[in-house]
């Protein structure tokens, strides 16, 4: 699998300059995004992280392999949240507030009593939102944004959204029966707070 590589040309426009082949590990990460969300969230993952942090600090050799998968999943969730929040933020004036509100859209390894399957479903909603924002940015660019700075910002955001969508490539578009009530409530709360 290959992904596009982007850079800026002499005019400051974002252009594709080539492609990069994804390693087997990168491809595995893409395919396993939902599995990482399930493995890295919920009470057991929080308990494993607590043990890893306490015992791992005192006796690192003992804990080296014990909760490796859970810790890897939690790190992946944190990384994709940071990338995704940056890609979806639109208002630089209220960046801190907006980034905090966007956090509700991501599976959270810090939410101890969340159901892992419900947390994983957030990636489905996130993928939908990212695609809509990508299309909205493209529409603004094709209709002719008046300010060059705004145009460059939209192009940059679309590059970030493309990276996010690459990481969510293995996430289904929908689930049979739709999203759970908990995911829908989190989305509604985030949208109300964003107004």
N, C-alpha and C. Protein backbone atom coordinates (compact mmCIF):
# COMPACT_ATOMS: atom_id res chain seq x y z
N UNK A 1 0.85 -1.17 0.00
CA UNK A 1 0.00 0.00 0.00
C UNK A 1 0.89 1.24 0.00
N UNK A 2 0.52 2.22 -0.80
CA UNK A 2 1.28 3.47 -0.85
C UNK A 2 0.36 4.63 -0.49
N UNK A 3 0.96 5.68 0.05
CA UNK A 3 0.21 6.89 0.38
C UNK A 3 0.91 8.07 -0.29
N UNK A 4 0.17 9.13 -0.62
CA UNK A 4 0.79 10.29 -1.26
C UNK A 4 1.68 11.06 -0.29
N UNK A 5 2.74 11.68 -0.84
CA UNK A 5 3.63 12.54 -0.07
C UNK A 5 3.48 13.95 -0.62
N UNK A 6 3.30 14.93 0.27
CA UNK A 6 3.04 16.30 -0.13
C UNK A 6 4.15 17.24 0.29
N UNK A 7 4.28 18.33 -0.44
CA UNK A 7 5.23 19.39 -0.12
C UNK A 7 4.67 20.69 -0.69
N UNK A 8 5.35 21.79 -0.42
CA UNK A 8 4.95 23.09 -0.94
C UNK A 8 5.78 23.43 -2.18
N UNK A 9 5.14 24.00 -3.19
CA UNK A 9 5.88 24.45 -4.36
C UNK A 9 6.35 25.89 -4.14
N UNK A 10 6.95 26.50 -5.16
CA UNK A 10 7.49 27.86 -5.05
C UNK A 10 6.42 28.89 -4.71
N UNK A 11 5.17 28.64 -5.10
CA UNK A 11 4.06 29.57 -4.82
C UNK A 11 3.47 29.36 -3.44
N UNK A 12 3.94 28.34 -2.74
CA UNK A 12 3.39 28.03 -1.42
C UNK A 12 2.19 27.11 -1.45
N UNK A 13 1.87 26.57 -2.65
CA UNK A 13 0.74 25.65 -2.78
C UNK A 13 1.17 24.24 -2.38
N UNK A 14 0.25 23.49 -1.79
CA UNK A 14 0.53 22.11 -1.44
C UNK A 14 0.35 21.25 -2.68
N UNK A 15 1.38 20.47 -2.99
CA UNK A 15 1.33 19.61 -4.17
C UNK A 15 1.83 18.22 -3.79
N UNK A 16 1.36 17.23 -4.54
CA UNK A 16 1.85 15.87 -4.32
C UNK A 16 3.19 15.73 -5.04
N UNK A 17 4.21 15.28 -4.30
CA UNK A 17 5.55 15.17 -4.87
C UNK A 17 6.00 13.72 -5.02
N UNK A 18 5.16 12.81 -4.65
CA UNK A 18 5.52 11.40 -4.78
C UNK A 18 4.63 10.53 -3.94
N UNK A 19 5.07 9.32 -3.76
CA UNK A 19 4.34 8.36 -2.93
C UNK A 19 5.31 7.67 -2.00
N UNK A 20 4.78 7.18 -0.90
CA UNK A 20 5.58 6.48 0.08
C UNK A 20 4.95 5.13 0.35
N UNK A 21 5.75 4.10 0.33
CA UNK A 21 5.24 2.75 0.60
C UNK A 21 5.11 2.57 2.10
N UNK A 22 3.96 2.08 2.53
CA UNK A 22 3.74 1.84 3.95
C UNK A 22 4.38 0.52 4.34
N UNK A 23 5.01 0.50 5.51
CA UNK A 23 5.59 -0.73 6.03
C UNK A 23 4.47 -1.68 6.46
N UNK A 24 4.85 -2.92 6.68
CA UNK A 24 3.86 -3.91 7.14
C UNK A 24 3.26 -3.46 8.47
N UNK A 25 4.09 -2.86 9.34
CA UNK A 25 3.60 -2.39 10.64
C UNK A 25 2.59 -1.26 10.45
N UNK A 26 2.88 -0.31 9.55
CA UNK A 26 1.95 0.79 9.29
C UNK A 26 0.63 0.25 8.75
N UNK A 27 0.70 -0.71 7.84
CA UNK A 27 -0.53 -1.29 7.30
C UNK A 27 -1.31 -2.01 8.39
N UNK A 28 -0.60 -2.69 9.26
CA UNK A 28 -1.26 -3.36 10.38
C UNK A 28 -1.94 -2.34 11.29
N UNK A 29 -1.28 -1.20 11.54
CA UNK A 29 -1.87 -0.15 12.37
C UNK A 29 -3.15 0.38 11.75
N UNK A 30 -3.15 0.56 10.43
CA UNK A 30 -4.34 1.06 9.75
C UNK A 30 -5.50 0.08 9.89
N UNK A 31 -5.21 -1.16 9.66
CA UNK A 31 -6.25 -2.18 9.71
C UNK A 31 -6.78 -2.36 11.13
N UNK A 32 -5.92 -2.17 12.12
CA UNK A 32 -6.27 -2.48 13.49
C UNK A 32 -6.78 -1.29 14.31
N UNK A 33 -7.14 -0.19 13.68
CA UNK A 33 -7.57 0.99 14.44
C UNK A 33 -8.74 0.66 15.37
N UNK A 34 -9.72 -0.08 14.89
CA UNK A 34 -10.86 -0.44 15.73
C UNK A 34 -10.42 -1.39 16.86
N UNK A 35 -9.52 -2.33 16.53
CA UNK A 35 -9.03 -3.25 17.55
C UNK A 35 -8.23 -2.51 18.63
N UNK A 36 -7.45 -1.51 18.20
CA UNK A 36 -6.71 -0.72 19.18
C UNK A 36 -7.66 0.03 20.09
N UNK A 37 -8.74 0.55 19.54
CA UNK A 37 -9.71 1.27 20.36
C UNK A 37 -10.34 0.34 21.39
N UNK A 38 -10.61 -0.89 20.99
CA UNK A 38 -11.21 -1.86 21.93
C UNK A 38 -10.18 -2.27 22.98
N UNK A 39 -8.94 -2.53 22.54
CA UNK A 39 -7.90 -3.01 23.47
C UNK A 39 -7.40 -1.91 24.41
N UNK A 40 -7.49 -0.66 23.99
CA UNK A 40 -6.90 0.42 24.78
C UNK A 40 -7.86 1.19 25.65
N UNK A 41 -9.14 0.81 25.68
CA UNK A 41 -10.13 1.54 26.47
C UNK A 41 -10.84 0.60 27.43
N UNK A 42 -11.57 1.18 28.34
CA UNK A 42 -12.37 0.40 29.28
C UNK A 42 -11.66 0.13 30.59
N UNK A 43 -12.38 -0.49 31.53
CA UNK A 43 -11.82 -0.69 32.87
C UNK A 43 -10.59 -1.61 32.90
N UNK A 44 -10.59 -2.67 32.09
CA UNK A 44 -9.43 -3.57 32.12
C UNK A 44 -8.19 -2.89 31.58
N UNK A 45 -8.32 -2.13 30.51
CA UNK A 45 -7.17 -1.42 29.96
C UNK A 45 -6.64 -0.41 30.97
N UNK A 46 -7.54 0.28 31.67
CA UNK A 46 -7.12 1.25 32.68
C UNK A 46 -6.41 0.54 33.84
N UNK A 47 -6.94 -0.62 34.23
CA UNK A 47 -6.32 -1.40 35.30
C UNK A 47 -4.93 -1.88 34.88
N UNK A 48 -4.82 -2.39 33.66
CA UNK A 48 -3.52 -2.85 33.15
C UNK A 48 -2.52 -1.69 33.10
N UNK A 49 -2.98 -0.52 32.68
CA UNK A 49 -2.10 0.65 32.62
C UNK A 49 -1.63 1.05 34.02
N UNK A 50 -2.53 0.98 34.98
CA UNK A 50 -2.16 1.30 36.36
C UNK A 50 -1.08 0.34 36.85
N UNK A 51 -1.28 -0.95 36.64
CA UNK A 51 -0.28 -1.94 37.07
C UNK A 51 1.04 -1.71 36.34
N UNK A 52 0.97 -1.47 35.04
CA UNK A 52 2.18 -1.25 34.26
C UNK A 52 2.94 -0.02 34.75
N UNK A 53 2.20 1.03 35.08
CA UNK A 53 2.84 2.26 35.55
C UNK A 53 3.45 2.10 36.94
N UNK A 54 2.77 1.39 37.83
CA UNK A 54 3.27 1.23 39.19
C UNK A 54 4.39 0.20 39.25
N UNK A 55 4.11 -1.01 38.80
CA UNK A 55 5.09 -2.08 38.87
C UNK A 55 6.21 -1.86 37.85
N UNK A 56 5.85 -1.36 36.68
CA UNK A 56 6.86 -1.12 35.65
C UNK A 56 7.89 -0.10 36.05
N UNK A 57 7.52 0.85 36.91
CA UNK A 57 8.47 1.83 37.39
C UNK A 57 9.44 1.25 38.40
N UNK A 58 8.98 0.27 39.17
CA UNK A 58 9.80 -0.34 40.21
C UNK A 58 10.62 -1.51 39.65
N UNK A 59 9.97 -2.33 38.83
CA UNK A 59 10.62 -3.52 38.28
C UNK A 59 10.34 -3.61 36.78
N UNK A 60 11.00 -2.79 35.96
CA UNK A 60 10.69 -2.72 34.53
C UNK A 60 10.86 -4.05 33.79
N UNK A 61 11.80 -4.87 34.21
CA UNK A 61 12.01 -6.16 33.55
C UNK A 61 10.83 -7.09 33.69
N UNK A 62 10.14 -7.01 34.81
CA UNK A 62 8.98 -7.88 35.08
C UNK A 62 7.82 -7.53 34.15
N UNK A 63 7.63 -6.26 33.89
CA UNK A 63 6.45 -5.81 33.14
C UNK A 63 6.70 -5.65 31.64
N UNK A 64 7.90 -5.93 31.17
CA UNK A 64 8.28 -5.64 29.79
C UNK A 64 7.28 -6.15 28.76
N UNK A 65 6.83 -7.36 28.90
CA UNK A 65 5.93 -7.97 27.90
C UNK A 65 4.51 -8.18 28.42
N UNK A 66 4.28 -7.96 29.71
CA UNK A 66 3.00 -8.34 30.31
C UNK A 66 1.80 -7.64 29.69
N UNK A 67 1.81 -6.32 29.63
CA UNK A 67 0.67 -5.57 29.10
C UNK A 67 1.06 -4.78 27.85
N UNK A 68 2.00 -5.32 27.10
CA UNK A 68 2.55 -4.63 25.93
C UNK A 68 1.45 -4.24 24.93
N UNK A 69 0.53 -5.15 24.62
CA UNK A 69 -0.51 -4.87 23.63
C UNK A 69 -1.45 -3.75 24.09
N UNK A 70 -1.81 -3.79 25.37
CA UNK A 70 -2.70 -2.75 25.90
C UNK A 70 -2.01 -1.39 25.88
N UNK A 71 -0.76 -1.36 26.28
CA UNK A 71 -0.04 -0.09 26.30
C UNK A 71 0.19 0.44 24.89
N UNK A 72 0.47 -0.46 23.94
CA UNK A 72 0.64 -0.04 22.55
C UNK A 72 -0.68 0.54 22.02
N UNK A 73 -1.79 -0.10 22.35
CA UNK A 73 -3.11 0.38 21.89
C UNK A 73 -3.40 1.76 22.48
N UNK A 74 -3.10 1.96 23.76
CA UNK A 74 -3.34 3.26 24.39
C UNK A 74 -2.48 4.35 23.76
N UNK A 75 -1.24 4.05 23.45
CA UNK A 75 -0.36 5.02 22.80
C UNK A 75 -0.88 5.37 21.40
N UNK A 76 -1.37 4.36 20.68
CA UNK A 76 -1.92 4.59 19.35
C UNK A 76 -3.14 5.51 19.43
N UNK A 77 -4.01 5.27 20.40
CA UNK A 77 -5.20 6.10 20.57
C UNK A 77 -4.82 7.54 20.87
N UNK A 78 -3.84 7.73 21.73
CA UNK A 78 -3.39 9.10 22.04
C UNK A 78 -2.79 9.78 20.81
N UNK A 79 -2.02 9.03 20.03
CA UNK A 79 -1.39 9.61 18.84
C UNK A 79 -2.43 10.01 17.80
N UNK A 80 -3.39 9.13 17.55
CA UNK A 80 -4.41 9.44 16.54
C UNK A 80 -5.30 10.59 17.01
N UNK A 81 -5.50 10.72 18.32
CA UNK A 81 -6.29 11.85 18.82
C UNK A 81 -5.55 13.17 18.57
N UNK A 82 -4.26 13.18 18.86
CA UNK A 82 -3.49 14.42 18.64
C UNK A 82 -3.50 14.81 17.16
N UNK A 83 -3.27 13.85 16.28
CA UNK A 83 -3.29 14.11 14.84
C UNK A 83 -4.68 14.56 14.39
N UNK A 84 -5.70 13.86 14.85
CA UNK A 84 -7.07 14.16 14.44
C UNK A 84 -7.57 15.50 14.95
N UNK A 85 -7.24 15.84 16.18
CA UNK A 85 -7.68 17.14 16.71
C UNK A 85 -7.05 18.27 15.91
N UNK A 86 -5.79 18.11 15.57
CA UNK A 86 -5.11 19.14 14.78
C UNK A 86 -5.75 19.25 13.39
N UNK A 87 -6.08 18.12 12.80
CA UNK A 87 -6.66 18.12 11.45
C UNK A 87 -8.05 18.75 11.43
N UNK A 88 -8.83 18.54 12.47
CA UNK A 88 -10.23 18.99 12.45
C UNK A 88 -10.45 20.36 13.09
N UNK A 89 -9.45 20.91 13.73
CA UNK A 89 -9.63 22.24 14.34
C UNK A 89 -9.71 23.29 13.24
N UNK A 90 -10.59 24.26 13.43
CA UNK A 90 -10.78 25.28 12.40
C UNK A 90 -10.64 26.71 12.91
N UNK A 91 -10.77 26.92 14.20
CA UNK A 91 -10.79 28.28 14.72
C UNK A 91 -9.54 28.57 15.55
N UNK A 92 -8.55 29.28 15.00
CA UNK A 92 -7.32 29.55 15.75
C UNK A 92 -7.51 30.47 16.97
N UNK A 93 -8.57 31.27 16.97
CA UNK A 93 -8.80 32.18 18.10
C UNK A 93 -9.16 31.43 19.38
N UNK A 94 -9.89 30.34 19.24
CA UNK A 94 -10.35 29.57 20.40
C UNK A 94 -9.79 28.16 20.33
N UNK A 95 -8.51 28.05 20.01
CA UNK A 95 -7.89 26.75 19.76
C UNK A 95 -7.98 25.80 20.95
N UNK A 96 -7.67 26.26 22.14
CA UNK A 96 -7.67 25.38 23.31
C UNK A 96 -9.06 24.83 23.57
N UNK A 97 -10.05 25.70 23.55
CA UNK A 97 -11.43 25.27 23.78
C UNK A 97 -11.88 24.30 22.71
N UNK A 98 -11.58 24.62 21.47
CA UNK A 98 -12.00 23.76 20.37
C UNK A 98 -11.32 22.39 20.44
N UNK A 99 -10.04 22.35 20.75
CA UNK A 99 -9.33 21.07 20.84
C UNK A 99 -9.90 20.21 21.96
N UNK A 100 -10.27 20.84 23.08
CA UNK A 100 -10.89 20.09 24.17
C UNK A 100 -12.24 19.52 23.76
N UNK A 101 -13.01 20.30 23.01
CA UNK A 101 -14.32 19.82 22.55
C UNK A 101 -14.15 18.69 21.54
N UNK A 102 -13.16 18.79 20.68
CA UNK A 102 -12.93 17.74 19.69
C UNK A 102 -12.53 16.42 20.34
N UNK A 103 -11.98 16.46 21.54
CA UNK A 103 -11.58 15.24 22.24
C UNK A 103 -12.74 14.27 22.43
N UNK A 104 -13.96 14.81 22.53
CA UNK A 104 -15.13 13.95 22.73
C UNK A 104 -15.38 13.04 21.53
N UNK A 105 -14.80 13.35 20.38
CA UNK A 105 -15.02 12.55 19.18
C UNK A 105 -14.11 11.33 19.10
N UNK A 106 -13.13 11.23 19.99
CA UNK A 106 -12.12 10.17 19.92
C UNK A 106 -12.30 9.16 21.03
N UNK A 107 -11.94 7.89 20.77
CA UNK A 107 -11.90 6.90 21.85
C UNK A 107 -10.89 7.36 22.89
N UNK A 108 -11.26 7.30 24.15
CA UNK A 108 -10.38 7.81 25.20
C UNK A 108 -9.85 6.69 26.08
N UNK A 109 -8.53 6.49 26.10
CA UNK A 109 -7.98 5.49 27.00
C UNK A 109 -8.08 5.91 28.46
N UNK A 110 -8.35 7.19 28.71
CA UNK A 110 -8.45 7.70 30.07
C UNK A 110 -9.85 7.55 30.66
N UNK A 111 -10.82 7.20 29.83
CA UNK A 111 -12.19 7.01 30.31
C UNK A 111 -12.31 5.58 30.85
N UNK A 112 -12.24 5.46 32.15
CA UNK A 112 -12.15 4.14 32.79
C UNK A 112 -13.41 3.31 32.59
N UNK A 113 -14.58 3.91 32.73
CA UNK A 113 -15.80 3.12 32.70
C UNK A 113 -16.52 3.17 31.37
N UNK A 114 -15.81 3.49 30.31
CA UNK A 114 -16.41 3.45 28.97
C UNK A 114 -16.38 2.03 28.42
N UNK A 115 -17.40 1.67 27.69
CA UNK A 115 -17.46 0.35 27.05
C UNK A 115 -16.53 0.37 25.83
N UNK A 116 -15.55 -0.53 25.75
CA UNK A 116 -14.58 -0.51 24.65
C UNK A 116 -15.21 -0.53 23.25
N UNK A 117 -16.25 -1.30 23.05
CA UNK A 117 -16.88 -1.36 21.72
C UNK A 117 -17.52 -0.02 21.36
N UNK A 118 -18.10 0.65 22.35
CA UNK A 118 -18.69 1.96 22.11
C UNK A 118 -17.60 2.98 21.80
N UNK A 119 -16.50 2.89 22.51
CA UNK A 119 -15.37 3.79 22.24
C UNK A 119 -14.86 3.57 20.81
N UNK A 120 -14.77 2.32 20.37
CA UNK A 120 -14.29 2.01 19.02
C UNK A 120 -15.22 2.59 17.96
N UNK A 121 -16.52 2.62 18.23
CA UNK A 121 -17.48 3.16 17.27
C UNK A 121 -17.26 4.65 17.00
N UNK A 122 -16.59 5.32 17.92
CA UNK A 122 -16.32 6.74 17.71
C UNK A 122 -15.47 6.96 16.46
N UNK A 123 -14.65 5.97 16.10
CA UNK A 123 -13.84 6.10 14.88
C UNK A 123 -14.72 6.16 13.64
N UNK A 124 -15.86 5.47 13.67
CA UNK A 124 -16.78 5.51 12.52
C UNK A 124 -17.32 6.92 12.36
N UNK A 125 -17.78 7.50 13.46
CA UNK A 125 -18.29 8.88 13.43
C UNK A 125 -17.18 9.86 13.07
N UNK A 126 -16.00 9.65 13.60
CA UNK A 126 -14.86 10.52 13.30
C UNK A 126 -14.52 10.49 11.82
N UNK A 127 -14.56 9.30 11.23
CA UNK A 127 -14.27 9.17 9.81
C UNK A 127 -15.29 9.94 8.98
N UNK A 128 -16.56 9.86 9.35
CA UNK A 128 -17.61 10.62 8.66
C UNK A 128 -17.36 12.11 8.74
N UNK A 129 -17.05 12.59 9.94
CA UNK A 129 -16.82 14.02 10.16
C UNK A 129 -15.61 14.49 9.38
N UNK A 130 -14.54 13.70 9.40
CA UNK A 130 -13.32 14.08 8.67
C UNK A 130 -13.59 14.17 7.17
N UNK A 131 -14.35 13.22 6.63
CA UNK A 131 -14.67 13.26 5.19
C UNK A 131 -15.50 14.50 4.85
N UNK A 132 -16.46 14.84 5.71
CA UNK A 132 -17.29 16.02 5.47
C UNK A 132 -16.45 17.29 5.50
N UNK A 133 -15.54 17.38 6.48
CA UNK A 133 -14.69 18.56 6.58
C UNK A 133 -13.76 18.65 5.37
N UNK A 134 -13.25 17.52 4.93
CA UNK A 134 -12.38 17.48 3.75
C UNK A 134 -13.13 18.02 2.53
N UNK A 135 -14.36 17.54 2.33
CA UNK A 135 -15.17 18.00 1.19
C UNK A 135 -15.50 19.49 1.32
N UNK A 136 -15.81 19.94 2.54
CA UNK A 136 -16.11 21.36 2.76
C UNK A 136 -14.89 22.22 2.40
N UNK A 137 -13.70 21.77 2.79
CA UNK A 137 -12.48 22.50 2.46
C UNK A 137 -12.25 22.53 0.95
N UNK A 138 -12.46 21.39 0.29
CA UNK A 138 -12.28 21.34 -1.16
C UNK A 138 -13.26 22.27 -1.87
N UNK A 139 -14.50 22.30 -1.40
CA UNK A 139 -15.51 23.18 -1.99
C UNK A 139 -15.08 24.63 -1.85
N UNK A 140 -14.61 25.00 -0.67
CA UNK A 140 -14.16 26.38 -0.45
C UNK A 140 -12.98 26.72 -1.37
N UNK A 141 -12.08 25.76 -1.57
CA UNK A 141 -10.92 26.00 -2.43
C UNK A 141 -11.33 26.12 -3.91
N UNK A 142 -12.27 25.27 -4.34
CA UNK A 142 -12.67 25.31 -5.75
C UNK A 142 -13.54 26.50 -6.08
N UNK A 143 -14.28 26.99 -5.08
CA UNK A 143 -15.11 28.17 -5.30
C UNK A 143 -14.30 29.46 -5.23
N UNK A 144 -13.05 29.33 -4.85
CA UNK A 144 -12.17 30.50 -4.83
C UNK A 144 -12.22 31.25 -3.53
N UNK A 145 -11.35 30.90 -2.63
CA UNK A 145 -11.22 31.61 -1.36
C UNK A 145 -10.50 32.91 -1.65
N UNK A 146 -10.98 34.00 -1.09
CA UNK A 146 -10.42 35.31 -1.39
C UNK A 146 -9.02 35.52 -0.83
N UNK A 147 -8.73 34.98 0.30
CA UNK A 147 -7.46 35.22 0.99
C UNK A 147 -6.50 34.05 0.77
N UNK A 148 -5.27 34.35 0.32
CA UNK A 148 -4.27 33.31 0.09
C UNK A 148 -3.90 32.57 1.37
N UNK A 149 -3.89 33.27 2.48
CA UNK A 149 -3.56 32.65 3.77
C UNK A 149 -4.60 31.60 4.13
N UNK A 150 -5.85 31.93 3.93
CA UNK A 150 -6.94 30.98 4.22
C UNK A 150 -6.84 29.79 3.28
N UNK A 151 -6.56 30.02 2.02
CA UNK A 151 -6.43 28.94 1.04
C UNK A 151 -5.30 27.99 1.44
N UNK A 152 -4.16 28.54 1.82
CA UNK A 152 -3.04 27.69 2.24
C UNK A 152 -3.39 26.91 3.50
N UNK A 153 -4.12 27.55 4.41
CA UNK A 153 -4.54 26.88 5.63
C UNK A 153 -5.48 25.71 5.31
N UNK A 154 -6.43 25.93 4.40
CA UNK A 154 -7.35 24.86 4.00
C UNK A 154 -6.60 23.71 3.34
N UNK A 155 -5.63 24.04 2.49
CA UNK A 155 -4.83 22.99 1.86
C UNK A 155 -4.05 22.19 2.90
N UNK A 156 -3.49 22.90 3.85
CA UNK A 156 -2.73 22.25 4.93
C UNK A 156 -3.64 21.35 5.76
N UNK A 157 -4.84 21.85 6.08
CA UNK A 157 -5.79 21.05 6.86
C UNK A 157 -6.19 19.79 6.09
N UNK A 158 -6.36 19.92 4.77
CA UNK A 158 -6.74 18.75 3.98
C UNK A 158 -5.62 17.72 3.96
N UNK A 159 -4.37 18.15 3.97
CA UNK A 159 -3.26 17.19 4.05
C UNK A 159 -3.34 16.45 5.39
N UNK A 160 -3.60 17.17 6.47
CA UNK A 160 -3.73 16.54 7.78
C UNK A 160 -4.93 15.58 7.81
N UNK A 161 -6.04 15.99 7.22
CA UNK A 161 -7.23 15.13 7.18
C UNK A 161 -6.94 13.88 6.36
N UNK A 162 -6.21 14.01 5.26
CA UNK A 162 -5.85 12.84 4.46
C UNK A 162 -5.03 11.85 5.29
N UNK A 163 -4.10 12.36 6.08
CA UNK A 163 -3.31 11.49 6.96
C UNK A 163 -4.21 10.78 7.96
N UNK A 164 -5.14 11.52 8.55
CA UNK A 164 -6.07 10.93 9.50
C UNK A 164 -6.91 9.84 8.82
N UNK A 165 -7.42 10.14 7.63
CA UNK A 165 -8.23 9.16 6.92
C UNK A 165 -7.41 7.93 6.53
N UNK A 166 -6.12 8.11 6.25
CA UNK A 166 -5.26 6.96 5.98
C UNK A 166 -5.18 6.06 7.21
N UNK A 167 -5.08 6.66 8.39
CA UNK A 167 -5.02 5.87 9.62
C UNK A 167 -6.36 5.20 9.93
N UNK A 168 -7.44 5.78 9.42
CA UNK A 168 -8.78 5.21 9.65
C UNK A 168 -9.26 4.37 8.47
N UNK A 169 -8.35 4.01 7.57
CA UNK A 169 -8.73 3.29 6.36
C UNK A 169 -9.45 1.98 6.65
N UNK A 170 -9.07 1.29 7.70
CA UNK A 170 -9.70 0.02 8.04
C UNK A 170 -10.99 0.15 8.83
N UNK A 171 -11.38 1.37 9.15
CA UNK A 171 -12.61 1.61 9.92
C UNK A 171 -13.79 1.56 8.96
N UNK A 172 -14.82 0.77 9.30
CA UNK A 172 -15.98 0.70 8.40
C UNK A 172 -16.72 2.02 8.32
N UNK A 173 -17.47 2.19 7.23
CA UNK A 173 -18.27 3.41 7.04
C UNK A 173 -19.44 3.46 8.00
N UNK A 174 -19.95 2.30 8.37
CA UNK A 174 -21.11 2.23 9.25
C UNK A 174 -21.16 0.85 9.88
N UNK A 175 -21.96 0.71 10.92
CA UNK A 175 -22.20 -0.57 11.55
C UNK A 175 -23.64 -0.97 11.30
N UNK A 176 -23.91 -2.27 11.24
CA UNK A 176 -25.31 -2.68 11.13
C UNK A 176 -26.09 -2.13 12.33
N UNK A 177 -27.17 -1.46 12.07
CA UNK A 177 -27.96 -0.89 13.15
C UNK A 177 -27.50 0.50 13.57
N UNK A 178 -26.44 1.02 12.95
CA UNK A 178 -25.97 2.37 13.24
C UNK A 178 -25.10 2.45 14.47
N UNK A 179 -24.83 3.67 14.88
CA UNK A 179 -23.96 3.92 16.03
C UNK A 179 -24.73 3.77 17.33
N UNK A 180 -24.02 3.46 18.41
CA UNK A 180 -24.67 3.29 19.71
C UNK A 180 -25.15 4.64 20.24
N UNK A 181 -26.06 4.58 21.18
CA UNK A 181 -26.62 5.79 21.79
C UNK A 181 -25.54 6.62 22.48
N UNK A 182 -24.58 5.96 23.13
CA UNK A 182 -23.50 6.69 23.82
C UNK A 182 -22.67 7.51 22.84
N UNK A 183 -22.34 6.93 21.69
CA UNK A 183 -21.55 7.65 20.69
C UNK A 183 -22.34 8.85 20.17
N UNK A 184 -23.61 8.63 19.87
CA UNK A 184 -24.45 9.73 19.38
C UNK A 184 -24.56 10.85 20.40
N UNK A 185 -24.70 10.52 21.68
CA UNK A 185 -24.77 11.54 22.73
C UNK A 185 -23.48 12.33 22.83
N UNK A 186 -22.33 11.64 22.73
CA UNK A 186 -21.04 12.34 22.76
C UNK A 186 -20.90 13.29 21.58
N UNK A 187 -21.36 12.85 20.40
CA UNK A 187 -21.28 13.70 19.22
C UNK A 187 -22.17 14.93 19.38
N UNK A 188 -23.38 14.73 19.89
CA UNK A 188 -24.29 15.85 20.09
C UNK A 188 -23.71 16.85 21.08
N UNK A 189 -23.11 16.36 22.15
CA UNK A 189 -22.51 17.25 23.15
C UNK A 189 -21.38 18.06 22.54
N UNK A 190 -20.54 17.40 21.74
CA UNK A 190 -19.41 18.10 21.11
C UNK A 190 -19.91 19.18 20.14
N UNK A 191 -20.96 18.86 19.39
CA UNK A 191 -21.49 19.83 18.43
C UNK A 191 -22.14 21.01 19.14
N UNK A 192 -22.86 20.76 20.23
CA UNK A 192 -23.48 21.86 20.98
C UNK A 192 -22.40 22.77 21.55
N UNK A 193 -21.34 22.18 22.07
CA UNK A 193 -20.28 22.98 22.66
C UNK A 193 -19.51 23.78 21.61
N UNK A 194 -19.51 23.29 20.37
CA UNK A 194 -18.78 23.97 19.29
C UNK A 194 -19.52 25.17 18.74
N UNK A 195 -20.81 25.31 19.03
CA UNK A 195 -21.61 26.43 18.50
C UNK A 195 -21.26 27.73 19.13
